N, C-alpha and C. Protein backbone atom coordinates (compact mmCIF):
# COMPACT_ATOMS: atom_id res chain seq x y z
N MET A 1 -0.60 17.36 -14.29
CA MET A 1 -0.15 16.00 -14.09
C MET A 1 0.86 15.92 -12.94
N LEU A 2 1.82 16.88 -12.89
CA LEU A 2 2.81 16.89 -11.82
C LEU A 2 2.14 17.07 -10.47
N GLU A 3 1.12 17.94 -10.41
CA GLU A 3 0.41 18.18 -9.15
C GLU A 3 -0.29 16.89 -8.70
N THR A 4 -0.90 16.17 -9.62
CA THR A 4 -1.55 14.90 -9.28
C THR A 4 -0.53 13.90 -8.78
N PHE A 5 0.64 13.84 -9.43
CA PHE A 5 1.67 12.91 -8.98
C PHE A 5 2.10 13.24 -7.55
N LYS A 6 2.24 14.52 -7.24
CA LYS A 6 2.63 14.90 -5.88
C LYS A 6 1.59 14.43 -4.87
N LYS A 7 0.30 14.53 -5.23
CA LYS A 7 -0.75 14.07 -4.32
C LYS A 7 -0.77 12.56 -4.22
N LEU A 8 -0.43 11.89 -5.32
CA LEU A 8 -0.56 10.43 -5.36
C LEU A 8 0.75 9.68 -5.16
N TRP A 9 1.84 10.34 -4.75
CA TRP A 9 3.10 9.61 -4.59
C TRP A 9 2.95 8.41 -3.68
N PRO A 10 2.08 8.47 -2.63
CA PRO A 10 1.94 7.26 -1.82
C PRO A 10 1.35 6.11 -2.63
N LEU A 11 0.43 6.43 -3.54
CA LEU A 11 -0.17 5.37 -4.35
C LEU A 11 0.86 4.73 -5.25
N ALA A 12 1.78 5.52 -5.78
CA ALA A 12 2.82 4.96 -6.64
C ALA A 12 3.63 3.92 -5.90
N PHE A 13 3.81 4.11 -4.61
CA PHE A 13 4.57 3.15 -3.82
C PHE A 13 3.68 2.09 -3.20
N CYS A 14 2.38 2.30 -3.29
CA CYS A 14 1.43 1.40 -2.67
C CYS A 14 0.80 0.42 -3.64
N ILE A 15 0.86 0.70 -4.92
CA ILE A 15 0.15 -0.13 -5.89
C ILE A 15 0.40 -1.61 -5.68
N GLY A 16 1.63 -2.00 -5.44
CA GLY A 16 1.92 -3.42 -5.24
C GLY A 16 1.47 -3.94 -3.90
N VAL A 17 1.01 -3.06 -3.02
CA VAL A 17 0.71 -3.48 -1.67
C VAL A 17 -0.70 -3.12 -1.23
N THR A 18 -1.56 -2.73 -2.14
CA THR A 18 -2.89 -2.33 -1.70
C THR A 18 -3.62 -3.47 -1.03
N LEU A 19 -3.12 -4.65 -1.16
CA LEU A 19 -3.63 -5.77 -0.39
C LEU A 19 -2.60 -6.14 0.66
N ALA A 20 -2.01 -5.12 1.26
CA ALA A 20 -0.91 -5.33 2.20
C ALA A 20 -1.40 -6.12 3.40
N CYS A 21 -1.42 -7.40 3.25
CA CYS A 21 -1.92 -8.24 4.31
C CYS A 21 -1.46 -9.66 4.07
N ASN A 22 -1.61 -10.45 5.08
CA ASN A 22 -1.28 -11.85 4.99
C ASN A 22 -2.57 -12.56 4.61
N LEU A 23 -2.78 -12.80 3.33
CA LEU A 23 -4.06 -13.32 2.86
C LEU A 23 -4.39 -14.70 3.40
N ALA A 24 -3.39 -15.41 3.86
CA ALA A 24 -3.66 -16.78 4.29
C ALA A 24 -3.25 -17.04 5.72
N GLY A 25 -2.87 -16.03 6.45
CA GLY A 25 -2.22 -16.25 7.74
C GLY A 25 -3.13 -16.44 8.92
N LYS A 26 -4.41 -16.11 8.84
CA LYS A 26 -5.24 -16.18 10.03
C LYS A 26 -6.56 -16.85 9.72
N SER A 27 -7.04 -17.59 10.69
CA SER A 27 -8.38 -18.15 10.57
C SER A 27 -9.37 -17.04 10.92
N GLU A 28 -10.65 -17.27 10.66
CA GLU A 28 -11.64 -16.25 10.98
C GLU A 28 -11.67 -15.98 12.48
N ARG A 29 -11.47 -17.01 13.32
CA ARG A 29 -11.43 -16.82 14.76
C ARG A 29 -10.27 -15.90 15.14
N GLU A 30 -9.11 -16.08 14.52
CA GLU A 30 -7.96 -15.23 14.82
C GLU A 30 -8.22 -13.79 14.39
N HIS A 31 -8.95 -13.57 13.29
CA HIS A 31 -9.28 -12.20 12.87
C HIS A 31 -10.11 -11.51 13.94
N ARG A 32 -11.11 -12.21 14.46
CA ARG A 32 -11.98 -11.61 15.48
C ARG A 32 -11.21 -11.33 16.76
N SER A 33 -10.26 -12.20 17.10
CA SER A 33 -9.53 -12.02 18.36
C SER A 33 -8.36 -11.06 18.22
N GLY A 34 -7.99 -10.70 16.98
CA GLY A 34 -6.89 -9.78 16.77
C GLY A 34 -5.54 -10.47 16.78
N ASN A 35 -5.49 -11.78 16.86
CA ASN A 35 -4.22 -12.51 16.82
C ASN A 35 -3.68 -12.44 15.41
N SER A 36 -2.48 -11.91 15.26
CA SER A 36 -1.96 -11.67 13.91
C SER A 36 -1.28 -12.88 13.31
N GLY A 37 -0.86 -13.83 14.09
CA GLY A 37 -0.15 -14.98 13.53
C GLY A 37 1.19 -14.57 12.99
N SER A 38 2.10 -15.52 12.80
CA SER A 38 3.43 -15.14 12.34
C SER A 38 3.80 -15.76 11.01
N SER A 39 2.99 -16.65 10.49
CA SER A 39 3.30 -17.23 9.19
C SER A 39 2.00 -17.38 8.42
N SER A 40 2.13 -17.75 7.15
CA SER A 40 0.92 -17.85 6.35
C SER A 40 0.83 -19.19 5.65
N ARG A 41 -0.37 -19.70 5.56
CA ARG A 41 -0.66 -20.93 4.84
C ARG A 41 -2.03 -20.77 4.21
N ALA A 42 -2.18 -21.17 2.97
CA ALA A 42 -3.46 -21.06 2.29
C ALA A 42 -4.48 -21.95 2.98
N SER A 43 -5.63 -21.38 3.38
CA SER A 43 -6.60 -22.16 4.13
C SER A 43 -8.01 -22.08 3.57
N ASP A 44 -8.33 -21.11 2.73
CA ASP A 44 -9.66 -21.12 2.14
C ASP A 44 -9.54 -21.02 0.62
N GLU A 45 -10.64 -21.31 -0.06
CA GLU A 45 -10.60 -21.41 -1.51
C GLU A 45 -10.18 -20.10 -2.18
N ASN A 46 -10.65 -18.95 -1.68
CA ASN A 46 -10.25 -17.67 -2.26
C ASN A 46 -8.74 -17.47 -2.16
N VAL A 47 -8.16 -17.82 -1.02
CA VAL A 47 -6.71 -17.66 -0.84
C VAL A 47 -5.98 -18.55 -1.84
N ARG A 48 -6.41 -19.81 -1.97
CA ARG A 48 -5.75 -20.70 -2.93
C ARG A 48 -5.88 -20.14 -4.34
N GLU A 49 -7.01 -19.47 -4.62
CA GLU A 49 -7.20 -18.88 -5.93
C GLU A 49 -6.23 -17.71 -6.15
N LEU A 50 -5.91 -16.97 -5.10
CA LEU A 50 -5.01 -15.83 -5.21
C LEU A 50 -3.53 -16.22 -5.18
N ALA A 51 -3.21 -17.32 -4.52
CA ALA A 51 -1.81 -17.74 -4.37
C ALA A 51 -1.15 -17.92 -5.73
N GLY A 52 0.02 -17.30 -5.89
CA GLY A 52 0.80 -17.44 -7.11
C GLY A 52 0.22 -16.73 -8.32
N THR A 53 -0.71 -15.79 -8.11
CA THR A 53 -1.35 -15.11 -9.23
C THR A 53 -0.89 -13.66 -9.37
N THR A 54 -1.17 -13.10 -10.53
CA THR A 54 -0.94 -11.68 -10.80
C THR A 54 -2.25 -11.09 -11.31
N TRP A 55 -2.64 -9.94 -10.78
CA TRP A 55 -3.86 -9.25 -11.17
C TRP A 55 -3.47 -7.92 -11.78
N LYS A 56 -4.08 -7.56 -12.92
CA LYS A 56 -3.73 -6.33 -13.62
C LYS A 56 -4.99 -5.55 -13.97
N GLY A 57 -4.83 -4.24 -14.04
CA GLY A 57 -5.94 -3.38 -14.41
C GLY A 57 -5.59 -1.94 -14.13
N SER A 58 -6.62 -1.14 -13.91
CA SER A 58 -6.37 0.27 -13.63
C SER A 58 -7.35 0.77 -12.58
N PHE A 59 -6.94 1.85 -11.93
CA PHE A 59 -7.77 2.55 -10.96
C PHE A 59 -8.22 3.86 -11.56
N LYS A 60 -9.46 4.21 -11.35
CA LYS A 60 -9.96 5.54 -11.70
C LYS A 60 -10.11 6.30 -10.40
N CYS A 61 -9.49 7.48 -10.37
CA CYS A 61 -9.47 8.28 -9.15
C CYS A 61 -10.47 9.43 -9.25
N ASP A 62 -10.95 9.88 -8.08
CA ASP A 62 -11.95 10.94 -8.08
C ASP A 62 -11.40 12.30 -8.51
N ASP A 63 -10.09 12.40 -8.73
CA ASP A 63 -9.53 13.64 -9.26
C ASP A 63 -9.37 13.58 -10.78
N GLY A 64 -9.89 12.49 -11.41
CA GLY A 64 -9.86 12.37 -12.86
C GLY A 64 -8.72 11.54 -13.41
N ASP A 65 -7.75 11.18 -12.59
CA ASP A 65 -6.62 10.39 -13.08
C ASP A 65 -6.96 8.91 -13.17
N GLU A 66 -6.25 8.22 -14.04
CA GLU A 66 -6.34 6.76 -14.16
C GLU A 66 -4.92 6.22 -13.99
N ILE A 67 -4.76 5.24 -13.10
CA ILE A 67 -3.45 4.70 -12.76
C ILE A 67 -3.43 3.20 -13.00
N GLN A 68 -2.42 2.72 -13.70
CA GLN A 68 -2.27 1.29 -13.96
C GLN A 68 -1.81 0.58 -12.69
N ALA A 69 -2.35 -0.62 -12.45
CA ALA A 69 -2.03 -1.39 -11.25
C ALA A 69 -1.65 -2.82 -11.61
N ASN A 70 -0.78 -3.39 -10.80
CA ASN A 70 -0.31 -4.76 -10.97
C ASN A 70 -0.11 -5.36 -9.59
N TYR A 71 -0.88 -6.40 -9.24
CA TYR A 71 -0.78 -7.06 -7.94
C TYR A 71 -0.22 -8.46 -8.14
N ARG A 72 0.76 -8.82 -7.33
CA ARG A 72 1.31 -10.17 -7.37
C ARG A 72 1.18 -10.81 -6.00
N PHE A 73 0.90 -12.12 -6.01
CA PHE A 73 0.80 -12.89 -4.78
C PHE A 73 1.79 -14.04 -4.84
N ALA A 74 2.46 -14.28 -3.73
CA ALA A 74 3.40 -15.40 -3.62
C ALA A 74 2.63 -16.71 -3.56
N GLU A 75 3.34 -17.81 -3.74
CA GLU A 75 2.71 -19.13 -3.65
C GLU A 75 2.07 -19.35 -2.28
N SER A 76 2.58 -18.68 -1.24
CA SER A 76 2.01 -18.79 0.11
C SER A 76 0.67 -18.08 0.23
N GLY A 77 0.34 -17.21 -0.74
CA GLY A 77 -0.88 -16.42 -0.68
C GLY A 77 -0.64 -14.99 -0.22
N ASN A 78 0.57 -14.70 0.26
CA ASN A 78 0.90 -13.35 0.70
C ASN A 78 1.13 -12.43 -0.49
N PRO A 79 0.72 -11.15 -0.36
CA PRO A 79 1.01 -10.20 -1.43
C PRO A 79 2.50 -9.90 -1.48
N ILE A 80 2.97 -9.56 -2.66
CA ILE A 80 4.37 -9.18 -2.85
C ILE A 80 4.38 -7.68 -3.08
N TYR A 81 5.14 -6.96 -2.24
CA TYR A 81 5.26 -5.51 -2.35
C TYR A 81 6.53 -5.18 -3.10
N GLU A 82 6.39 -4.43 -4.19
CA GLU A 82 7.54 -4.02 -5.00
C GLU A 82 7.79 -2.54 -4.76
N TYR A 83 9.05 -2.16 -4.59
CA TYR A 83 9.37 -0.75 -4.35
C TYR A 83 10.75 -0.43 -4.91
N GLN A 84 10.99 0.87 -5.12
CA GLN A 84 12.25 1.35 -5.68
C GLN A 84 13.11 1.95 -4.57
N THR A 85 14.37 1.56 -4.52
CA THR A 85 15.33 2.17 -3.62
C THR A 85 16.39 2.86 -4.47
N SER A 86 17.29 3.57 -3.81
CA SER A 86 18.38 4.22 -4.55
C SER A 86 19.28 3.18 -5.21
N GLY A 87 19.24 1.94 -4.71
CA GLY A 87 20.04 0.85 -5.28
C GLY A 87 19.30 0.02 -6.31
N GLY A 88 18.05 0.35 -6.60
CA GLY A 88 17.28 -0.39 -7.59
C GLY A 88 16.00 -0.98 -7.04
N ALA A 89 15.35 -1.80 -7.85
CA ALA A 89 14.07 -2.40 -7.49
C ALA A 89 14.25 -3.48 -6.43
N ARG A 90 13.30 -3.55 -5.51
CA ARG A 90 13.28 -4.57 -4.46
C ARG A 90 11.86 -5.09 -4.34
N GLU A 91 11.73 -6.25 -3.72
CA GLU A 91 10.41 -6.79 -3.41
C GLU A 91 10.48 -7.58 -2.12
N VAL A 92 9.36 -7.61 -1.42
CA VAL A 92 9.27 -8.33 -0.16
C VAL A 92 7.88 -8.96 -0.06
N GLU A 93 7.84 -10.14 0.49
CA GLU A 93 6.57 -10.80 0.75
C GLU A 93 6.06 -10.28 2.09
N LEU A 94 4.85 -9.76 2.09
CA LEU A 94 4.28 -9.22 3.32
C LEU A 94 3.69 -10.35 4.15
N GLU A 95 4.09 -10.40 5.42
CA GLU A 95 3.75 -11.56 6.23
C GLU A 95 2.93 -11.29 7.47
N SER A 96 3.03 -10.08 8.07
CA SER A 96 2.32 -9.86 9.33
C SER A 96 2.06 -8.39 9.58
N PRO A 97 1.03 -8.09 10.39
CA PRO A 97 0.76 -6.70 10.76
C PRO A 97 1.97 -6.12 11.50
N GLY A 98 2.17 -4.83 11.34
CA GLY A 98 3.30 -4.18 11.99
C GLY A 98 4.60 -4.26 11.20
N GLN A 99 4.58 -4.96 10.10
CA GLN A 99 5.78 -5.07 9.27
C GLN A 99 6.19 -3.68 8.81
N THR A 100 7.49 -3.40 8.86
CA THR A 100 8.01 -2.08 8.55
C THR A 100 9.09 -2.17 7.48
N LEU A 101 9.02 -1.26 6.51
CA LEU A 101 10.07 -1.13 5.51
C LEU A 101 10.68 0.25 5.69
N ARG A 102 12.00 0.33 5.68
CA ARG A 102 12.71 1.60 5.78
C ARG A 102 13.82 1.56 4.75
N PHE A 103 13.84 2.56 3.84
CA PHE A 103 14.83 2.53 2.77
C PHE A 103 15.08 3.92 2.22
N VAL A 104 16.14 4.04 1.44
CA VAL A 104 16.48 5.29 0.76
C VAL A 104 15.89 5.21 -0.65
N PRO A 105 14.93 6.09 -0.96
CA PRO A 105 14.31 6.06 -2.29
C PRO A 105 15.22 6.73 -3.32
N PRO A 106 14.94 6.56 -4.61
CA PRO A 106 15.70 7.28 -5.63
C PRO A 106 15.64 8.79 -5.33
N GLY A 107 16.73 9.46 -5.43
CA GLY A 107 16.77 10.89 -5.14
C GLY A 107 17.17 11.21 -3.71
N GLY A 108 17.30 10.18 -2.86
CA GLY A 108 17.77 10.40 -1.50
C GLY A 108 16.67 10.54 -0.47
N GLY A 109 17.07 10.88 0.73
CA GLY A 109 16.13 10.96 1.84
C GLY A 109 15.92 9.59 2.45
N VAL A 110 14.84 9.45 3.20
CA VAL A 110 14.49 8.17 3.80
C VAL A 110 12.97 8.01 3.74
N ARG A 111 12.52 6.79 3.48
CA ARG A 111 11.09 6.49 3.42
C ARG A 111 10.79 5.33 4.37
N ASN A 112 9.72 5.48 5.15
CA ASN A 112 9.25 4.44 6.07
C ASN A 112 7.83 4.05 5.69
N ILE A 113 7.58 2.76 5.67
CA ILE A 113 6.24 2.24 5.39
C ILE A 113 5.89 1.27 6.51
N VAL A 114 4.76 1.50 7.18
CA VAL A 114 4.34 0.66 8.30
C VAL A 114 2.91 0.18 8.04
N LEU A 115 2.70 -1.12 8.12
CA LEU A 115 1.36 -1.69 8.01
C LEU A 115 0.71 -1.62 9.38
N ASP A 116 -0.33 -0.79 9.52
CA ASP A 116 -0.96 -0.58 10.82
C ASP A 116 -2.05 -1.59 11.14
N GLU A 117 -3.02 -1.73 10.25
CA GLU A 117 -4.17 -2.60 10.50
C GLU A 117 -4.37 -3.53 9.33
N ILE A 118 -4.70 -4.77 9.65
CA ILE A 118 -4.97 -5.75 8.61
C ILE A 118 -6.18 -6.57 9.05
N SER A 119 -7.16 -6.70 8.16
CA SER A 119 -8.34 -7.50 8.45
C SER A 119 -8.60 -8.41 7.26
N ILE A 120 -8.79 -9.69 7.55
CA ILE A 120 -9.01 -10.65 6.48
C ILE A 120 -10.22 -11.51 6.84
N THR A 121 -11.18 -11.56 5.92
CA THR A 121 -12.31 -12.47 6.05
C THR A 121 -12.33 -13.32 4.79
N PRO A 122 -13.17 -14.34 4.72
CA PRO A 122 -13.15 -15.19 3.53
C PRO A 122 -13.37 -14.46 2.21
N ASP A 123 -14.08 -13.32 2.21
CA ASP A 123 -14.35 -12.65 0.95
C ASP A 123 -13.83 -11.21 0.88
N ARG A 124 -13.12 -10.74 1.90
CA ARG A 124 -12.72 -9.33 1.92
C ARG A 124 -11.37 -9.17 2.64
N VAL A 125 -10.56 -8.26 2.10
CA VAL A 125 -9.27 -7.95 2.69
C VAL A 125 -9.18 -6.43 2.81
N SER A 126 -8.80 -5.94 3.99
CA SER A 126 -8.60 -4.49 4.12
C SER A 126 -7.37 -4.23 4.97
N HIS A 127 -6.80 -3.05 4.78
CA HIS A 127 -5.63 -2.68 5.57
C HIS A 127 -5.49 -1.17 5.62
N THR A 128 -4.72 -0.72 6.58
CA THR A 128 -4.34 0.69 6.68
C THR A 128 -2.83 0.72 6.87
N MET A 129 -2.18 1.62 6.14
CA MET A 129 -0.73 1.75 6.26
C MET A 129 -0.35 3.22 6.31
N ARG A 130 0.81 3.48 6.90
CA ARG A 130 1.36 4.83 6.95
C ARG A 130 2.64 4.88 6.13
N ILE A 131 2.82 5.97 5.39
CA ILE A 131 4.05 6.20 4.64
C ILE A 131 4.58 7.56 5.06
N SER A 132 5.85 7.60 5.42
CA SER A 132 6.47 8.89 5.73
C SER A 132 7.78 8.99 4.96
N GLU A 133 8.09 10.21 4.56
CA GLU A 133 9.31 10.45 3.79
C GLU A 133 9.91 11.77 4.23
N GLU A 134 11.23 11.79 4.33
CA GLU A 134 11.95 13.02 4.63
C GLU A 134 13.16 13.12 3.72
N ARG A 135 13.42 14.36 3.26
CA ARG A 135 14.63 14.62 2.49
C ARG A 135 15.01 16.07 2.68
N THR A 136 16.30 16.35 2.56
CA THR A 136 16.78 17.72 2.69
C THR A 136 17.53 18.12 1.44
N SER A 137 17.51 19.44 1.18
CA SER A 137 18.23 19.98 0.03
C SER A 137 18.46 21.47 0.28
N GLY A 138 19.70 21.88 0.31
CA GLY A 138 20.01 23.29 0.47
C GLY A 138 19.45 23.92 1.73
N GLY A 139 19.42 23.20 2.85
CA GLY A 139 18.91 23.73 4.10
C GLY A 139 17.41 23.65 4.25
N THR A 140 16.72 23.06 3.28
CA THR A 140 15.27 22.91 3.34
C THR A 140 14.92 21.46 3.63
N LEU A 141 14.06 21.26 4.62
CA LEU A 141 13.58 19.92 4.97
C LEU A 141 12.19 19.75 4.37
N ASP A 142 12.01 18.69 3.58
CA ASP A 142 10.73 18.37 2.97
C ASP A 142 10.24 17.07 3.59
N GLN A 143 9.06 17.12 4.22
CA GLN A 143 8.49 15.95 4.88
C GLN A 143 7.12 15.64 4.29
N GLY A 144 6.88 14.37 4.02
CA GLY A 144 5.58 13.93 3.53
C GLY A 144 5.03 12.85 4.44
N ARG A 145 3.74 12.93 4.75
CA ARG A 145 3.07 11.93 5.57
C ARG A 145 1.78 11.53 4.89
N SER A 146 1.51 10.24 4.85
CA SER A 146 0.29 9.75 4.22
C SER A 146 -0.29 8.59 5.00
N THR A 147 -1.59 8.46 4.92
CA THR A 147 -2.29 7.28 5.43
C THR A 147 -3.07 6.72 4.25
N ILE A 148 -2.93 5.42 4.05
CA ILE A 148 -3.59 4.76 2.93
C ILE A 148 -4.46 3.63 3.48
N SER A 149 -5.74 3.69 3.14
CA SER A 149 -6.67 2.63 3.52
C SER A 149 -7.11 1.92 2.25
N SER A 150 -7.15 0.60 2.31
CA SER A 150 -7.49 -0.18 1.13
C SER A 150 -8.47 -1.29 1.50
N GLU A 151 -9.40 -1.55 0.60
CA GLU A 151 -10.31 -2.67 0.76
C GLU A 151 -10.42 -3.37 -0.59
N ALA A 152 -10.33 -4.71 -0.57
CA ALA A 152 -10.40 -5.49 -1.81
C ALA A 152 -11.21 -6.76 -1.56
N PHE A 153 -11.90 -7.20 -2.62
CA PHE A 153 -12.64 -8.45 -2.51
C PHE A 153 -12.78 -9.09 -3.88
N LEU A 154 -12.89 -10.41 -3.88
CA LEU A 154 -13.11 -11.16 -5.11
C LEU A 154 -14.59 -11.10 -5.46
N SER A 155 -14.87 -10.82 -6.75
CA SER A 155 -16.24 -10.74 -7.21
C SER A 155 -16.29 -11.16 -8.68
N ASN A 156 -16.97 -12.26 -8.95
CA ASN A 156 -17.14 -12.75 -10.32
C ASN A 156 -15.81 -12.86 -11.06
N GLY A 157 -14.82 -13.41 -10.40
CA GLY A 157 -13.52 -13.63 -11.03
C GLY A 157 -12.64 -12.40 -11.14
N GLU A 158 -13.08 -11.28 -10.57
CA GLU A 158 -12.28 -10.05 -10.58
C GLU A 158 -11.93 -9.66 -9.15
N LEU A 159 -10.88 -8.88 -9.02
CA LEU A 159 -10.47 -8.35 -7.74
C LEU A 159 -10.89 -6.87 -7.72
N GLU A 160 -11.92 -6.55 -6.93
CA GLU A 160 -12.40 -5.16 -6.83
C GLU A 160 -11.67 -4.49 -5.69
N VAL A 161 -11.12 -3.29 -5.96
CA VAL A 161 -10.29 -2.59 -4.99
C VAL A 161 -10.73 -1.13 -4.86
N GLU A 162 -10.75 -0.63 -3.63
CA GLU A 162 -10.95 0.80 -3.37
C GLU A 162 -9.86 1.26 -2.42
N ILE A 163 -9.22 2.38 -2.77
CA ILE A 163 -8.13 2.92 -1.97
C ILE A 163 -8.44 4.38 -1.63
N ALA A 164 -8.25 4.76 -0.37
CA ALA A 164 -8.38 6.15 0.05
C ALA A 164 -7.02 6.61 0.55
N ILE A 165 -6.54 7.73 0.02
CA ILE A 165 -5.22 8.26 0.37
C ILE A 165 -5.38 9.65 0.96
N ARG A 166 -4.84 9.84 2.15
CA ARG A 166 -4.85 11.14 2.80
C ARG A 166 -3.39 11.53 2.99
N SER A 167 -2.95 12.64 2.38
CA SER A 167 -1.54 13.00 2.46
C SER A 167 -1.34 14.50 2.67
N GLN A 168 -0.18 14.82 3.24
CA GLN A 168 0.18 16.22 3.45
C GLN A 168 1.70 16.34 3.47
N ASN A 169 2.21 17.39 2.82
CA ASN A 169 3.64 17.68 2.82
C ASN A 169 3.89 18.93 3.64
N THR A 170 5.05 19.00 4.28
CA THR A 170 5.48 20.17 5.02
C THR A 170 6.90 20.50 4.62
N VAL A 171 7.13 21.77 4.33
CA VAL A 171 8.47 22.24 3.96
C VAL A 171 8.92 23.19 5.06
N SER A 172 10.17 23.03 5.51
CA SER A 172 10.66 23.92 6.58
C SER A 172 12.12 24.28 6.39
N GLN A 173 12.46 25.45 6.91
CA GLN A 173 13.82 25.94 7.02
C GLN A 173 13.94 26.50 8.43
N PRO A 174 15.15 26.78 8.90
CA PRO A 174 15.26 27.32 10.27
C PRO A 174 14.36 28.54 10.46
N GLY A 175 13.43 28.44 11.42
CA GLY A 175 12.52 29.53 11.73
C GLY A 175 11.28 29.61 10.87
N ILE A 176 11.16 28.78 9.85
CA ILE A 176 10.01 28.84 8.95
C ILE A 176 9.47 27.42 8.72
N VAL A 177 8.16 27.25 8.92
CA VAL A 177 7.50 25.98 8.63
C VAL A 177 6.29 26.28 7.75
N VAL A 178 6.21 25.62 6.60
CA VAL A 178 5.11 25.84 5.67
C VAL A 178 4.40 24.50 5.43
N PRO A 179 3.28 24.29 6.16
CA PRO A 179 2.52 23.05 5.92
C PRO A 179 1.71 23.17 4.64
N GLY A 180 1.70 22.11 3.86
CA GLY A 180 0.88 22.08 2.65
C GLY A 180 -0.54 21.70 2.98
N ASP A 181 -1.42 21.88 2.01
CA ASP A 181 -2.81 21.47 2.18
C ASP A 181 -2.89 19.95 2.21
N GLU A 182 -3.84 19.46 2.99
CA GLU A 182 -4.06 18.02 3.01
C GLU A 182 -4.80 17.63 1.74
N ALA A 183 -4.33 16.56 1.10
CA ALA A 183 -4.97 16.04 -0.10
C ALA A 183 -5.65 14.71 0.23
N VAL A 184 -6.87 14.54 -0.26
CA VAL A 184 -7.60 13.29 -0.08
C VAL A 184 -8.04 12.82 -1.45
N VAL A 185 -7.64 11.61 -1.82
CA VAL A 185 -7.98 11.04 -3.12
C VAL A 185 -8.51 9.63 -2.91
N THR A 186 -9.57 9.28 -3.62
CA THR A 186 -10.11 7.92 -3.60
C THR A 186 -10.00 7.35 -5.00
N CYS A 187 -9.49 6.11 -5.08
CA CYS A 187 -9.34 5.43 -6.37
C CYS A 187 -10.04 4.07 -6.28
N LYS A 188 -10.69 3.68 -7.39
CA LYS A 188 -11.39 2.39 -7.45
C LYS A 188 -11.03 1.68 -8.74
N GLY A 189 -11.02 0.35 -8.68
CA GLY A 189 -10.75 -0.40 -9.90
C GLY A 189 -11.10 -1.87 -9.76
N ARG A 190 -11.18 -2.52 -10.92
CA ARG A 190 -11.40 -3.98 -11.01
C ARG A 190 -10.21 -4.56 -11.74
N LEU A 191 -9.55 -5.51 -11.11
CA LEU A 191 -8.37 -6.11 -11.70
C LEU A 191 -8.69 -7.52 -12.16
N ARG A 192 -7.99 -7.94 -13.22
CA ARG A 192 -8.19 -9.29 -13.77
C ARG A 192 -6.86 -10.02 -13.80
N ARG A 193 -6.96 -11.35 -13.84
CA ARG A 193 -5.73 -12.16 -13.95
C ARG A 193 -5.12 -11.98 -15.29
């Protein structure tokens, strides 16, 4: 279980953001042109259906684990990302591509989360994000890097989600660098209101 948690730590911080996108911020023309827009307004029926809602369920992962998920959307239609800092729980409404979060997680160090790509069509939402973390202890530097790709769509009143996580940790001391094996995990699930 501990080994799975180490592989899936990005997912633990990503669960609230697997739809890390501005669900209502761009028209279909803006999606094709790559214009990210700077604010969000509900413009299609699916977005209005998601605005102000919470979706719950679980993901089954290809490594045998099952993880509980909870997605919340603001009244604007934007997803709400919940995360833990050393000072307690925080949340932020995700509004645009390139949005960056930088904070001190419980236990110290620093964590950066960057939304790289966001694509929204009337029936599908996908995104790619990077998570990096660094912490030191007793002269040892522990670094983790992950890329998370997510795709979600509404289907028969459910939110179907697939997440692919690629992660690797590196531990180093002066003169010694020990890269860990790259882990790749795919999780799928159907969430309900």
